[in-house]
Amino acid sequence: MGVQISRAVRDLVRRPLFWAVLLTLLYLVGLATRVSPYLFGPEEWRWRGRPPSPTTFPRWWPALVLLALYLLFAFWVDGREVRHRSGRREAFSLAFLVLMAPLIQVALVYIHNPYPVVA
């Protein structure tokens, strides 16, 4: 008598995006609960975390918009059924990721510092 796994669950588990999201969520839960100091790196790499002040809430929107755009892009890349590789599509994807990496970092710094490029 075996456990029946539905086809939808099997298909979901086979998708790389599922594993990327699951592992990211587990990592974030580990960071939020401070389950192990090893998640934060060596002592000299760590800084004292502080909860965001309510006065910073209006500065969250750029980071939230960029992260949502990044997530939508990931679903678009993962969900397309491409039979052949396209150099133009790969170049667009790479350019998007290269552009988004510093933009997301600046948007996240902007939450605590209104002048993130100067900081």
Protein backbone atom coordinates (compact mmCIF):
# COMPACT_ATOMS: atom_id res chain seq x y z
CA MET A 1 0.00 0.00 0.00
CA GLY A 2 1.80 3.09 -1.25
CA VAL A 3 1.14 6.77 -0.98
CA GLN A 4 -0.62 8.18 -4.02
CA ILE A 5 0.91 11.45 -5.21
CA SER A 6 -1.22 13.42 -7.59
CA ARG A 7 0.07 14.30 -11.02
CA ALA A 8 -0.13 18.03 -10.23
CA VAL A 9 2.15 17.62 -7.20
CA ARG A 10 4.62 15.53 -9.22
CA ASP A 11 4.66 18.16 -11.98
CA LEU A 12 5.14 20.95 -9.44
CA VAL A 13 8.05 19.17 -7.74
CA ARG A 14 9.80 18.73 -11.08
CA ARG A 15 9.86 22.46 -11.79
CA PRO A 16 13.12 24.24 -10.90
CA LEU A 17 11.24 27.39 -9.93
CA PHE A 18 9.38 25.45 -7.22
CA TRP A 19 12.67 24.40 -5.64
CA ALA A 20 14.17 27.88 -5.96
CA VAL A 21 11.16 29.44 -4.22
CA LEU A 22 11.00 26.72 -1.55
CA LEU A 23 14.71 26.95 -0.71
CA THR A 24 14.57 30.75 -0.65
CA LEU A 25 11.59 30.69 1.71
CA LEU A 26 13.33 28.19 4.00
CA TYR A 27 16.44 30.37 4.03
CA LEU A 28 14.39 33.49 4.83
CA VAL A 29 12.58 31.67 7.65
CA GLY A 30 15.97 30.60 8.99
CA LEU A 31 17.20 34.20 8.87
CA ALA A 32 14.04 35.57 10.47
CA THR A 33 14.10 33.05 13.32
CA ARG A 34 17.90 33.17 13.68
CA VAL A 35 17.94 29.38 13.75
CA SER A 36 21.74 29.27 13.40
CA PRO A 37 24.51 31.87 13.48
CA TYR A 38 26.11 30.09 10.51
CA LEU A 39 23.42 31.53 8.22
CA PHE A 40 24.88 34.99 8.86
CA GLY A 41 28.52 34.22 8.08
CA PRO A 42 31.58 34.96 10.22
CA GLU A 43 31.29 37.42 13.11
CA GLU A 44 33.11 40.22 11.24
CA TRP A 45 30.54 40.04 8.43
CA ARG A 46 27.55 40.55 10.69
CA TRP A 47 25.83 43.75 11.66
CA ARG A 48 23.14 44.35 14.18
CA GLY A 49 19.76 44.03 12.57
CA ARG A 50 17.07 46.50 13.35
CA PRO A 51 13.40 46.38 12.52
CA PRO A 52 12.28 48.96 10.02
CA SER A 53 10.87 52.12 11.49
CA PRO A 54 7.29 53.03 10.57
CA THR A 55 8.69 56.27 9.15
CA THR A 56 10.43 54.22 6.44
CA PHE A 57 7.23 52.59 5.15
CA PRO A 58 6.71 55.21 2.39
CA ARG A 59 10.18 54.35 1.03
CA TRP A 60 9.37 50.64 0.64
CA TRP A 61 7.42 50.95 -2.61
CA PRO A 62 10.44 50.99 -5.02
CA ALA A 63 11.83 47.78 -3.51
CA LEU A 64 8.44 46.06 -3.51
CA VAL A 65 7.74 47.05 -7.12
CA LEU A 66 11.16 45.88 -8.31
CA LEU A 67 10.93 42.60 -6.40
CA ALA A 68 7.43 41.97 -7.83
CA LEU A 69 8.73 42.71 -11.33
CA TYR A 70 11.63 40.33 -10.75
CA LEU A 71 9.24 37.61 -9.57
CA LEU A 72 6.95 38.11 -12.58
CA PHE A 73 9.98 37.85 -14.86
CA ALA A 74 10.98 34.57 -13.18
CA PHE A 75 7.50 33.14 -13.74
CA TRP A 76 7.58 34.31 -17.37
CA VAL A 77 10.96 32.68 -17.99
CA ASP A 78 9.95 29.45 -16.25
CA GLY A 79 6.47 29.21 -17.77
CA ARG A 80 7.25 29.60 -21.44
CA GLU A 81 7.28 26.54 -23.64
CA VAL A 82 10.21 27.22 -25.96
CA ARG A 83 11.12 24.59 -28.51
CA HIS A 84 14.24 26.33 -29.75
CA ARG A 85 16.72 28.66 -28.14
CA SER A 86 16.67 32.29 -29.13
CA GLY A 87 19.77 34.42 -28.78
CA ARG A 88 17.66 37.56 -28.63
CA ARG A 89 15.52 36.16 -25.80
CA GLU A 90 18.61 35.05 -23.86
CA ALA A 91 20.26 38.44 -24.36
CA PHE A 92 17.10 40.19 -23.12
CA SER A 93 16.93 37.92 -20.06
CA LEU A 94 20.58 38.49 -19.22
CA ALA A 95 20.29 42.26 -19.70
CA PHE A 96 17.22 42.33 -17.46
CA LEU A 97 19.00 40.43 -14.68
CA VAL A 98 22.14 42.58 -14.95
CA LEU A 99 20.02 45.73 -14.72
CA MET A 100 17.83 44.50 -11.87
CA ALA A 101 20.66 43.38 -9.55
CA PRO A 102 21.95 46.88 -8.68
CA LEU A 103 18.47 48.44 -8.86
CA ILE A 104 17.13 46.05 -6.23
CA GLN A 105 20.16 46.67 -4.00
CA VAL A 106 19.75 50.44 -4.22
CA ALA A 107 16.00 50.16 -3.58
CA LEU A 108 16.62 48.05 -0.47
CA VAL A 109 19.22 50.51 0.87
CA TYR A 110 16.76 53.34 0.16
CA ILE A 111 14.42 51.93 2.82
CA HIS A 112 16.80 52.99 5.61
CA ASN A 113 18.73 55.74 3.82
CA PRO A 114 16.98 58.31 1.61
CA TYR A 115 20.27 58.88 -0.27
CA PRO A 116 21.35 55.31 -1.12
CA VAL A 117 23.88 56.14 -3.83
CA VAL A 118 25.78 58.54 -1.56
CA ALA A 119 25.86 56.12 1.38
